[in-house]
């Protein structure tokens, strides 16, 4: 399995503390980029710019990714474009949230 795939799998262990769904299935992770030397850059968003638990999510993402074998450093960029919408949530997560 490639490091990028391992990182995405690790991110499935990071749960949004308000919605109780992992950040991947919520559609918050926009990109995982692995650079030379095990440097990983993650582009993700939050459900809202005023997310009161942004610091917790930031910390948990970095902690999870640093545990992946081959990862030497993690840079997390929170981006707002494109804006997050509920359409980005996976079908499984929508079912868990009762959207059906």
PDB file of N, CA and C in Angstrom:
ATOM      1  N   UNK A   1       0.852  -1.184   0.000  1.00  0.00           N
ATOM      2  CA  UNK A   1       0.000   0.000   0.000  1.00  0.00           C
ATOM      3  C   UNK A   1       0.897   1.247   0.000  1.00  0.00           C
ATOM      4  N   UNK A   2       0.566   2.210  -0.837  1.00  0.00           N
ATOM      5  CA  UNK A   2       1.333   3.454  -0.924  1.00  0.00           C
ATOM      6  C   UNK A   2       1.120   4.291   0.337  1.00  0.00           C
ATOM      7  N   UNK A   3       2.101   5.151   0.626  1.00  0.00           N
ATOM      8  CA  UNK A   3       2.002   6.013   1.810  1.00  0.00           C
ATOM      9  C   UNK A   3       0.735   6.858   1.745  1.00  0.00           C
ATOM     10  N   UNK A   4       0.397   7.363   0.576  1.00  0.00           N
ATOM     11  CA  UNK A   4      -0.812   8.185   0.431  1.00  0.00           C
ATOM     12  C   UNK A   4      -2.053   7.417   0.897  1.00  0.00           C
ATOM     13  N   UNK A   5      -2.136   6.154   0.502  1.00  0.00           N
ATOM     14  CA  UNK A   5      -3.277   5.328   0.911  1.00  0.00           C
ATOM     15  C   UNK A   5      -3.262   5.061   2.412  1.00  0.00           C
ATOM     16  N   UNK A   6      -2.067   4.846   2.962  1.00  0.00           N
ATOM     17  CA  UNK A   6      -1.938   4.626   4.404  1.00  0.00           C
ATOM     18  C   UNK A   6      -2.352   5.873   5.179  1.00  0.00           C
ATOM     19  N   UNK A   7      -1.997   7.040   4.648  1.00  0.00           N
ATOM     20  CA  UNK A   7      -2.370   8.303   5.297  1.00  0.00           C
ATOM     21  C   UNK A   7      -3.889   8.458   5.278  1.00  0.00           C
ATOM     22  N   UNK A   8      -4.506   8.212   4.138  1.00  0.00           N
ATOM     23  CA  UNK A   8      -5.975   8.314   4.060  1.00  0.00           C
ATOM     24  C   UNK A   8      -6.645   7.347   5.037  1.00  0.00           C
ATOM     25  N   UNK A   9      -6.085   6.151   5.143  1.00  0.00           N
ATOM     26  CA  UNK A   9      -6.640   5.174   6.083  1.00  0.00           C
ATOM     27  C   UNK A   9      -6.484   5.678   7.522  1.00  0.00           C
ATOM     28  N   UNK A  10      -5.334   6.264   7.835  1.00  0.00           N
ATOM     29  CA  UNK A  10      -5.117   6.821   9.177  1.00  0.00           C
ATOM     30  C   UNK A  10      -6.101   7.951   9.458  1.00  0.00           C
ATOM     31  N   UNK A  11      -6.409   8.744   8.444  1.00  0.00           N
ATOM     32  CA  UNK A  11      -7.345   9.857   8.621  1.00  0.00           C
ATOM     33  C   UNK A  11      -8.766   9.370   8.897  1.00  0.00           C
ATOM     34  N   UNK A  12      -9.073   8.156   8.500  1.00  0.00           N
ATOM     35  CA  UNK A  12     -10.388   7.583   8.821  1.00  0.00           C
ATOM     36  C   UNK A  12     -10.548   7.377  10.329  1.00  0.00           C
ATOM     37  N   UNK A  13      -9.429   7.391  11.040  1.00  0.00           N
ATOM     38  CA  UNK A  13      -9.470   7.273  12.494  1.00  0.00           C
ATOM     39  C   UNK A  13      -9.665   8.596  13.206  1.00  0.00           C
ATOM     40  N   UNK A  14      -9.675   9.691  12.447  1.00  0.00           N
ATOM     41  CA  UNK A  14      -9.873  11.021  13.035  1.00  0.00           C
ATOM     42  C   UNK A  14     -11.350  11.377  12.903  1.00  0.00           C
ATOM     43  N   UNK A  15     -12.009  11.478  14.032  1.00  0.00           N
ATOM     44  CA  UNK A  15     -13.456  11.698  14.056  1.00  0.00           C
ATOM     45  C   UNK A  15     -13.765  13.153  14.393  1.00  0.00           C
ATOM     46  N   UNK A  16     -14.648  13.757  13.606  1.00  0.00           N
ATOM     47  CA  UNK A  16     -15.113  15.108  13.913  1.00  0.00           C
ATOM     48  C   UNK A  16     -15.812  15.049  15.272  1.00  0.00           C
ATOM     49  N   UNK A  17     -15.337  15.842  16.249  1.00  0.00           N
ATOM     50  CA  UNK A  17     -15.880  15.739  17.607  1.00  0.00           C
ATOM     51  C   UNK A  17     -17.314  16.236  17.771  1.00  0.00           C
ATOM     52  N   UNK A  18     -17.857  16.884  16.762  1.00  0.00           N
ATOM     53  CA  UNK A  18     -19.249  17.340  16.848  1.00  0.00           C
ATOM     54  C   UNK A  18     -20.209  16.405  16.115  1.00  0.00           C
ATOM     55  N   UNK A  19     -19.758  15.875  14.974  1.00  0.00           N
ATOM     56  CA  UNK A  19     -20.635  15.035  14.154  1.00  0.00           C
ATOM     57  C   UNK A  19     -20.382  13.541  14.348  1.00  0.00           C
ATOM     58  N   UNK A  20     -19.250  13.192  14.959  1.00  0.00           N
ATOM     59  CA  UNK A  20     -18.902  11.798  15.258  1.00  0.00           C
ATOM     60  C   UNK A  20     -18.763  10.927  14.013  1.00  0.00           C
ATOM     61  N   UNK A  21     -18.303  11.538  12.928  1.00  0.00           N
ATOM     62  CA  UNK A  21     -18.007  10.852  11.668  1.00  0.00           C
ATOM     63  C   UNK A  21     -16.565  11.201  11.314  1.00  0.00           C
ATOM     64  N   UNK A  22     -15.836  10.259  10.714  1.00  0.00           N
ATOM     65  CA  UNK A  22     -14.432  10.550  10.401  1.00  0.00           C
ATOM     66  C   UNK A  22     -14.315  11.610   9.305  1.00  0.00           C
ATOM     67  N   UNK A  23     -13.173  12.298   9.310  1.00  0.00           N
ATOM     68  CA  UNK A  23     -12.977  13.445   8.415  1.00  0.00           C
ATOM     69  C   UNK A  23     -12.950  13.057   6.939  1.00  0.00           C
ATOM     70  N   UNK A  24     -12.590  11.814   6.634  1.00  0.00           N
ATOM     71  CA  UNK A  24     -12.590  11.366   5.236  1.00  0.00           C
ATOM     72  C   UNK A  24     -14.026  11.202   4.747  1.00  0.00           C
ATOM     73  N   UNK A  25     -14.840  10.474   5.505  1.00  0.00           N
ATOM     74  CA  UNK A  25     -16.227  10.254   5.090  1.00  0.00           C
ATOM     75  C   UNK A  25     -17.064  11.528   5.131  1.00  0.00           C
ATOM     76  N   UNK A  26     -16.648  12.496   5.932  1.00  0.00           N
ATOM     77  CA  UNK A  26     -17.339  13.791   5.929  1.00  0.00           C
ATOM     78  C   UNK A  26     -16.995  14.612   4.688  1.00  0.00           C
ATOM     79  N   UNK A  27     -15.976  14.178   3.944  1.00  0.00           N
ATOM     80  CA  UNK A  27     -15.572  14.912   2.746  1.00  0.00           C
ATOM     81  C   UNK A  27     -14.707  16.117   3.053  1.00  0.00           C
ATOM     82  N   UNK A  28     -14.086  16.125   4.219  1.00  0.00           N
ATOM     83  CA  UNK A  28     -13.266  17.270   4.618  1.00  0.00           C
ATOM     84  C   UNK A  28     -11.855  17.220   4.043  1.00  0.00           C
ATOM     85  N   UNK A  29     -11.389  16.034   3.666  1.00  0.00           N
ATOM     86  CA  UNK A  29     -10.028  15.886   3.143  1.00  0.00           C
ATOM     87  C   UNK A  29     -10.064  16.074   1.630  1.00  0.00           C
ATOM     88  N   UNK A  30      -9.409  17.132   1.165  1.00  0.00           N
ATOM     89  CA  UNK A  30      -9.392  17.439  -0.266  1.00  0.00           C
ATOM     90  C   UNK A  30      -8.189  16.834  -0.980  1.00  0.00           C
ATOM     91  N   UNK A  31      -7.080  16.682  -0.268  1.00  0.00           N
ATOM     92  CA  UNK A  31      -5.899  16.134  -0.922  1.00  0.00           C
ATOM     93  C   UNK A  31      -4.849  15.668   0.057  1.00  0.00           C
ATOM     94  N   UNK A  32      -4.151  14.591  -0.335  1.00  0.00           N
ATOM     95  CA  UNK A  32      -3.011  14.077   0.419  1.00  0.00           C
ATOM     96  C   UNK A  32      -1.854  14.013  -0.564  1.00  0.00           C
ATOM     97  N   UNK A  33      -0.775  14.703  -0.250  1.00  0.00           N
ATOM     98  CA  UNK A  33       0.373  14.784  -1.137  1.00  0.00           C
ATOM     99  C   UNK A  33       1.612  14.316  -0.391  1.00  0.00           C
ATOM    100  N   UNK A  34       2.301  13.333  -0.952  1.00  0.00           N
ATOM    101  CA  UNK A  34       3.512  12.805  -0.335  1.00  0.00           C
ATOM    102  C   UNK A  34       4.694  13.303  -1.148  1.00  0.00           C
ATOM    103  N   UNK A  35       5.602  13.984  -0.464  1.00  0.00           N
ATOM    104  CA  UNK A  35       6.788  14.536  -1.108  1.00  0.00           C
ATOM    105  C   UNK A  35       8.007  13.711  -0.716  1.00  0.00           C
ATOM    106  N   UNK A  36       9.138  14.021  -1.327  1.00  0.00           N
ATOM    107  CA  UNK A  36      10.380  13.314  -1.021  1.00  0.00           C
ATOM    108  C   UNK A  36      10.690  13.373   0.462  1.00  0.00           C
ATOM    109  N   UNK A  37      11.308  12.323   0.942  1.00  0.00           N
ATOM    110  CA  UNK A  37      11.746  12.305   2.330  1.00  0.00           C
ATOM    111  C   UNK A  37      10.635  12.064   3.332  1.00  0.00           C
ATOM    112  N   UNK A  38       9.478  11.612   2.864  1.00  0.00           N
ATOM    113  CA  UNK A  38       8.389  11.314   3.783  1.00  0.00           C
ATOM    114  C   UNK A  38       7.630  12.523   4.291  1.00  0.00           C
ATOM    115  N   UNK A  39       7.762  13.634   3.573  1.00  0.00           N
ATOM    116  CA  UNK A  39       6.995  14.831   3.947  1.00  0.00           C
ATOM    117  C   UNK A  39       5.588  14.702   3.367  1.00  0.00           C
ATOM    118  N   UNK A  40       4.598  14.899   4.215  1.00  0.00           N
ATOM    119  CA  UNK A  40       3.204  14.774   3.791  1.00  0.00           C
ATOM    120  C   UNK A  40       2.506  16.115   3.960  1.00  0.00           C
ATOM    121  N   UNK A  41       1.782  16.503   2.921  1.00  0.00           N
ATOM    122  CA  UNK A  41       0.970  17.718   2.976  1.00  0.00           C
ATOM    123  C   UNK A  41      -0.485  17.291   2.807  1.00  0.00           C
ATOM    124  N   UNK A  42      -1.326  17.798   3.693  1.00  0.00           N
ATOM    125  CA  UNK A  42      -2.753  17.494   3.633  1.00  0.00           C
ATOM    126  C   UNK A  42      -3.513  18.791   3.438  1.00  0.00           C
ATOM    127  N   UNK A  43      -4.397  18.798   2.448  1.00  0.00           N
ATOM    128  CA  UNK A  43      -5.308  19.918   2.259  1.00  0.00           C
ATOM    129  C   UNK A  43      -6.683  19.441   2.681  1.00  0.00           C
ATOM    130  N   UNK A  44      -7.268  20.162   3.605  1.00  0.00           N
ATOM    131  CA  UNK A  44      -8.607  19.803   4.066  1.00  0.00           C
ATOM    132  C   UNK A  44      -9.347  21.058   4.478  1.00  0.00           C
ATOM    133  N   UNK A  45     -10.613  20.892   4.735  1.00  0.00           N
ATOM    134  CA  UNK A  45     -11.435  22.000   5.170  1.00  0.00           C
ATOM    135  C   UNK A  45     -12.142  21.602   6.454  1.00  0.00           C
ATOM    136  N   UNK A  46     -12.955  22.480   6.948  1.00  0.00           N
ATOM    137  CA  UNK A  46     -13.783  22.216   8.122  1.00  0.00           C
ATOM    138  C   UNK A  46     -15.230  22.469   7.726  1.00  0.00           C
ATOM    139  N   UNK A  47     -16.161  22.034   8.549  1.00  0.00           N
ATOM    140  CA  UNK A  47     -17.567  22.207   8.195  1.00  0.00           C
ATOM    141  C   UNK A  47     -17.988  23.663   8.191  1.00  0.00           C
ATOM    142  N   UNK A  48     -17.252  24.515   8.921  1.00  0.00           N
ATOM    143  CA  UNK A  48     -17.531  25.957   8.894  1.00  0.00           C
ATOM    144  C   UNK A  48     -16.281  26.720   9.313  1.00  0.00           C
ATOM    145  N   UNK A  49     -16.109  27.948   8.804  1.00  0.00           N
ATOM    146  CA  UNK A  49     -14.939  28.744   9.189  1.00  0.00           C
ATOM    147  C   UNK A  49     -14.871  29.015  10.691  1.00  0.00           C
ATOM    148  N   UNK A  50     -15.996  29.025  11.358  1.00  0.00           N
ATOM    149  CA  UNK A  50     -16.013  29.298  12.793  1.00  0.00           C
ATOM    150  C   UNK A  50     -16.008  28.040  13.642  1.00  0.00           C
ATOM    151  N   UNK A  51     -15.548  26.937  13.088  1.00  0.00           N
ATOM    152  CA  UNK A  51     -15.558  25.656  13.804  1.00  0.00           C
ATOM    153  C   UNK A  51     -14.843  25.799  15.150  1.00  0.00           C
ATOM    154  N   UNK A  52     -15.565  25.607  16.256  1.00  0.00           N
ATOM    155  CA  UNK A  52     -14.961  25.806  17.568  1.00  0.00           C
ATOM    156  C   UNK A  52     -13.927  24.742  17.935  1.00  0.00           C
ATOM    157  N   UNK A  53     -13.911  23.635  17.218  1.00  0.00           N
ATOM    158  CA  UNK A  53     -12.978  22.556  17.542  1.00  0.00           C
ATOM    159  C   UNK A  53     -11.896  22.381  16.477  1.00  0.00           C
ATOM    160  N   UNK A  54     -11.617  23.448  15.739  1.00  0.00           N
ATOM    161  CA  UNK A  54     -10.608  23.395  14.683  1.00  0.00           C
ATOM    162  C   UNK A  54      -9.250  22.952  15.226  1.00  0.00           C
ATOM    163  N   UNK A  55      -8.867  23.453  16.375  1.00  0.00           N
ATOM    164  CA  UNK A  55      -7.583  23.095  16.965  1.00  0.00           C
ATOM    165  C   UNK A  55      -7.495  21.626  17.320  1.00  0.00           C
ATOM    166  N   UNK A  56      -8.589  21.072  17.793  1.00  0.00           N
ATOM    167  CA  UNK A  56      -8.634  19.645  18.139  1.00  0.00           C
ATOM    168  C   UNK A  56      -8.476  18.800  16.876  1.00  0.00           C
ATOM    169  N   UNK A  57      -9.199  19.152  15.834  1.00  0.00           N
ATOM    170  CA  UNK A  57      -9.124  18.402  14.579  1.00  0.00           C
ATOM    171  C   UNK A  57      -7.717  18.496  14.003  1.00  0.00           C
ATOM    172  N   UNK A  58      -7.134  19.685  13.993  1.00  0.00           N
ATOM    173  CA  UNK A  58      -5.771  19.898  13.508  1.00  0.00           C
ATOM    174  C   UNK A  58      -4.799  18.973  14.235  1.00  0.00           C
ATOM    175  N   UNK A  59      -4.869  18.977  15.539  1.00  0.00           N
ATOM    176  CA  UNK A  59      -3.979  18.160  16.364  1.00  0.00           C
ATOM    177  C   UNK A  59      -4.165  16.668  16.110  1.00  0.00           C
ATOM    178  N   UNK A  60      -5.407  16.223  16.026  1.00  0.00           N
ATOM    179  CA  UNK A  60      -5.697  14.801  15.821  1.00  0.00           C
ATOM    180  C   UNK A  60      -5.260  14.330  14.432  1.00  0.00           C
ATOM    181  N   UNK A  61      -5.434  15.178  13.426  1.00  0.00           N
ATOM    182  CA  UNK A  61      -4.993  14.831  12.067  1.00  0.00           C
ATOM    183  C   UNK A  61      -3.483  14.636  12.056  1.00  0.00           C
ATOM    184  N   UNK A  62      -2.755  15.599  12.598  1.00  0.00           N
ATOM    185  CA  UNK A  62      -1.290  15.501  12.605  1.00  0.00           C
ATOM    186  C   UNK A  62      -0.816  14.289  13.388  1.00  0.00           C
ATOM    187  N   UNK A  63      -1.421  14.041  14.531  1.00  0.00           N
ATOM    188  CA  UNK A  63      -1.034  12.905  15.367  1.00  0.00           C
ATOM    189  C   UNK A  63      -1.261  11.583  14.629  1.00  0.00           C
ATOM    190  N   UNK A  64      -2.396  11.445  13.966  1.00  0.00           N
ATOM    191  CA  UNK A  64      -2.708  10.207  13.240  1.00  0.00           C
ATOM    192  C   UNK A  64      -1.751   9.978  12.080  1.00  0.00           C
ATOM    193  N   UNK A  65      -1.462  11.036  11.327  1.00  0.00           N
ATOM    194  CA  UNK A  65      -0.615  10.893  10.145  1.00  0.00           C
ATOM    195  C   UNK A  65       0.834  10.620  10.536  1.00  0.00           C
ATOM    196  N   UNK A  66       1.304  11.224  11.610  1.00  0.00           N
ATOM    197  CA  UNK A  66       2.688  10.994  12.052  1.00  0.00           C
ATOM    198  C   UNK A  66       2.936   9.542  12.449  1.00  0.00           C
ATOM    199  N   UNK A  67       1.894   8.794  12.754  1.00  0.00           N
ATOM    200  CA  UNK A  67       2.034   7.381  13.125  1.00  0.00           C
ATOM    201  C   UNK A  67       2.217   6.465  11.916  1.00  0.00           C
ATOM    202  N   UNK A  68       1.981   6.978  10.723  1.00  0.00           N
ATOM    203  CA  UNK A  68       2.090   6.161   9.508  1.00  0.00           C
ATOM    204  C   UNK A  68       3.566   5.919   9.192  1.00  0.00           C
ATOM    205  N   UNK A  69       3.898   4.657   8.985  1.00  0.00           N
ATOM    206  CA  UNK A  69       5.277   4.298   8.662  1.00  0.00           C
ATOM    207  C   UNK A  69       5.717   4.996   7.378  1.00  0.00           C
ATOM    208  N   UNK A  70       6.872   5.640   7.443  1.00  0.00           N
ATOM    209  CA  UNK A  70       7.417   6.347   6.292  1.00  0.00           C
ATOM    210  C   UNK A  70       7.152   7.836   6.304  1.00  0.00           C
ATOM    211  N   UNK A  71       6.263   8.291   7.176  1.00  0.00           N
ATOM    212  CA  UNK A  71       5.965   9.724   7.276  1.00  0.00           C
ATOM    213  C   UNK A  71       6.957  10.368   8.239  1.00  0.00           C
ATOM    214  N   UNK A  72       7.634  11.393   7.763  1.00  0.00           N
ATOM    215  CA  UNK A  72       8.621  12.101   8.586  1.00  0.00           C
ATOM    216  C   UNK A  72       8.088  13.423   9.114  1.00  0.00           C
ATOM    217  N   UNK A  73       7.228  14.078   8.334  1.00  0.00           N
ATOM    218  CA  UNK A  73       6.651  15.350   8.778  1.00  0.00           C
ATOM    219  C   UNK A  73       5.279  15.536   8.139  1.00  0.00           C
ATOM    220  N   UNK A  74       4.474  16.362   8.791  1.00  0.00           N
ATOM    221  CA  UNK A  74       3.105  16.610   8.321  1.00  0.00           C
ATOM    222  C   UNK A  74       2.856  18.106   8.279  1.00  0.00           C
ATOM    223  N   UNK A  75       2.357  18.570   7.148  1.00  0.00           N
ATOM    224  CA  UNK A  75       1.917  19.958   7.013  1.00  0.00           C
ATOM    225  C   UNK A  75       0.431  19.907   6.689  1.00  0.00           C
ATOM    226  N   UNK A  76      -0.357  20.583   7.499  1.00  0.00           N
ATOM    227  CA  UNK A  76      -1.804  20.607   7.299  1.00  0.00           C
ATOM    228  C   UNK A  76      -2.221  22.000   6.862  1.00  0.00           C
ATOM    229  N   UNK A  77      -2.846  22.078   5.703  1.00  0.00           N
ATOM    230  CA  UNK A  77      -3.383  23.344   5.208  1.00  0.00           C
ATOM    231  C   UNK A  77      -4.900  23.276   5.254  1.00  0.00           C
ATOM    232  N   UNK A  78      -5.499  24.181   6.014  1.00  0.00           N
ATOM    233  CA  UNK A  78      -6.955  24.310   6.036  1.00  0.00           C
ATOM    234  C   UNK A  78      -7.328  25.281   4.920  1.00  0.00           C
ATOM    235  N   UNK A  79      -8.170  24.814   4.002  1.00  0.00           N
ATOM    236  CA  UNK A  79      -8.564  25.631   2.853  1.00  0.00           C
ATOM    237  C   UNK A  79     -10.082  25.804   2.860  1.00  0.00           C
ATOM    238  N   UNK A  80     -10.526  26.856   2.209  1.00  0.00           N
ATOM    239  CA  UNK A  80     -11.971  27.156   2.181  1.00  0.00           C
ATOM    240  C   UNK A  80     -12.539  27.125   0.774  1.00  0.00           C
ATOM    241  N   UNK A  81     -11.697  26.773  -0.195  1.00  0.00           N
ATOM    242  CA  UNK A  81     -12.135  26.709  -1.576  1.00  0.00           C
ATOM    243  C   UNK A  81     -11.768  25.343  -2.139  1.00  0.00           C
ATOM    244  N   UNK A  82     -12.710  24.547  -2.535  1.00  0.00           N
ATOM    245  CA  UNK A  82     -14.135  24.850  -2.578  1.00  0.00           C
ATOM    246  C   UNK A  82     -14.756  24.766  -1.188  1.00  0.00           C
ATOM    247  N   UNK A  83     -15.824  25.515  -0.984  1.00  0.00           N
ATOM    248  CA  UNK A  83     -16.506  25.444   0.307  1.00  0.00           C
ATOM    249  C   UNK A  83     -17.098  24.048   0.519  1.00  0.00           C
ATOM    250  N   UNK A  84     -17.037  23.587   1.753  1.00  0.00           N
ATOM    251  CA  UNK A  84     -17.605  22.279   2.088  1.00  0.00           C
ATOM    252  C   UNK A  84     -19.126  22.349   2.042  1.00  0.00           C
ATOM    253  N   UNK A  85     -19.738  21.286   1.505  1.00  0.00           N
ATOM    254  CA  UNK A  85     -21.198  21.167   1.500  1.00  0.00           C
ATOM    255  C   UNK A  85     -21.560  19.742   1.914  1.00  0.00           C
ATOM    256  N   UNK A  86     -22.798  19.532   2.296  1.00  0.00           N
ATOM    257  CA  UNK A  86     -23.209  18.192   2.722  1.00  0.00           C
ATOM    258  C   UNK A  86     -23.164  17.182   1.578  1.00  0.00           C
ATOM    259  N   UNK A  87     -23.129  17.644   0.348  1.00  0.00           N
ATOM    260  CA  UNK A  87     -23.020  16.736  -0.787  1.00  0.00           C
ATOM    261  C   UNK A  87     -21.674  16.015  -0.802  1.00  0.00           C
ATOM    262  N   UNK A  88     -20.692  16.532  -0.079  1.00  0.00           N
ATOM    263  CA  UNK A  88     -19.358  15.930  -0.039  1.00  0.00           C
ATOM    264  C   UNK A  88     -19.280  14.745   0.922  1.00  0.00           C
ATOM    265  N   UNK A  89     -20.302  14.553   1.724  1.00  0.00           N
ATOM    266  CA  UNK A  89     -20.327  13.459   2.695  1.00  0.00           C
ATOM    267  C   UNK A  89     -20.561  12.138   1.960  1.00  0.00           C
ATOM    268  N   UNK A  90     -19.842  11.098   2.365  1.00  0.00           N
ATOM    269  CA  UNK A  90     -20.022   9.778   1.744  1.00  0.00           C
ATOM    270  C   UNK A  90     -21.434   9.261   2.017  1.00  0.00           C
ATOM    271  N   UNK A  91     -21.872   8.343   1.178  1.00  0.00           N
ATOM    272  CA  UNK A  91     -23.210   7.762   1.342  1.00  0.00           C
ATOM    273  C   UNK A  91     -23.346   7.067   2.698  1.00  0.00           C
ATOM    274  N   UNK A  92     -22.286   6.363   3.112  1.00  0.00           N
ATOM    275  CA  UNK A  92     -22.316   5.672   4.407  1.00  0.00           C
ATOM    276  C   UNK A  92     -22.500   6.664   5.553  1.00  0.00           C
ATOM    277  N   UNK A  93     -21.754   7.769   5.491  1.00  0.00           N
ATOM    278  CA  UNK A  93     -21.845   8.767   6.558  1.00  0.00           C
ATOM    279  C   UNK A  93     -23.213   9.452   6.547  1.00  0.00           C
ATOM    280  N   UNK A  94     -23.756   9.685   5.352  1.00  0.00           N
ATOM    281  CA  UNK A  94     -25.100  10.278   5.271  1.00  0.00           C
ATOM    282  C   UNK A  94     -26.114   9.375   5.955  1.00  0.00           C
ATOM    283  N   UNK A  95     -25.969   8.071   5.742  1.00  0.00           N
ATOM    284  CA  UNK A  95     -26.878   7.115   6.377  1.00  0.00           C
ATOM    285  C   UNK A  95     -26.719   7.159   7.898  1.00  0.00           C
ATOM    286  N   UNK A  96     -25.459   7.240   8.375  1.00  0.00           N
ATOM    287  CA  UNK A  96     -25.216   7.318   9.819  1.00  0.00           C
ATOM    288  C   UNK A  96     -25.823   8.578  10.421  1.00  0.00           C
ATOM    289  N   UNK A  97     -25.781   9.658   9.649  1.00  0.00           N
ATOM    290  CA  UNK A  97     -26.309  10.936  10.132  1.00  0.00           C
ATOM    291  C   UNK A  97     -27.824  11.039   9.959  1.00  0.00           C
ATOM    292  N   UNK A  98     -28.420  10.049   9.303  1.00  0.00           N
ATOM    293  CA  UNK A  98     -29.871  10.046   9.121  1.00  0.00           C
ATOM    294  C   UNK A  98     -30.354  10.941   7.998  1.00  0.00           C
ATOM    295  N   UNK A  99     -29.521  11.135   6.967  1.00  0.00           N
ATOM    296  CA  UNK A  99     -29.904  11.990   5.843  1.00  0.00           C
ATOM    297  C   UNK A  99     -30.840  11.309   4.858  1.00  0.00           C
ATOM    298  N   UNK A 100     -31.118  10.034   5.044  1.00  0.00           N
ATOM    299  CA  UNK A 100     -31.988   9.316   4.097  1.00  0.00           C
ATOM    300  C   UNK A 100     -33.328   9.073   4.710  1.00  0.00           C
TER     301      UNK A 100
END
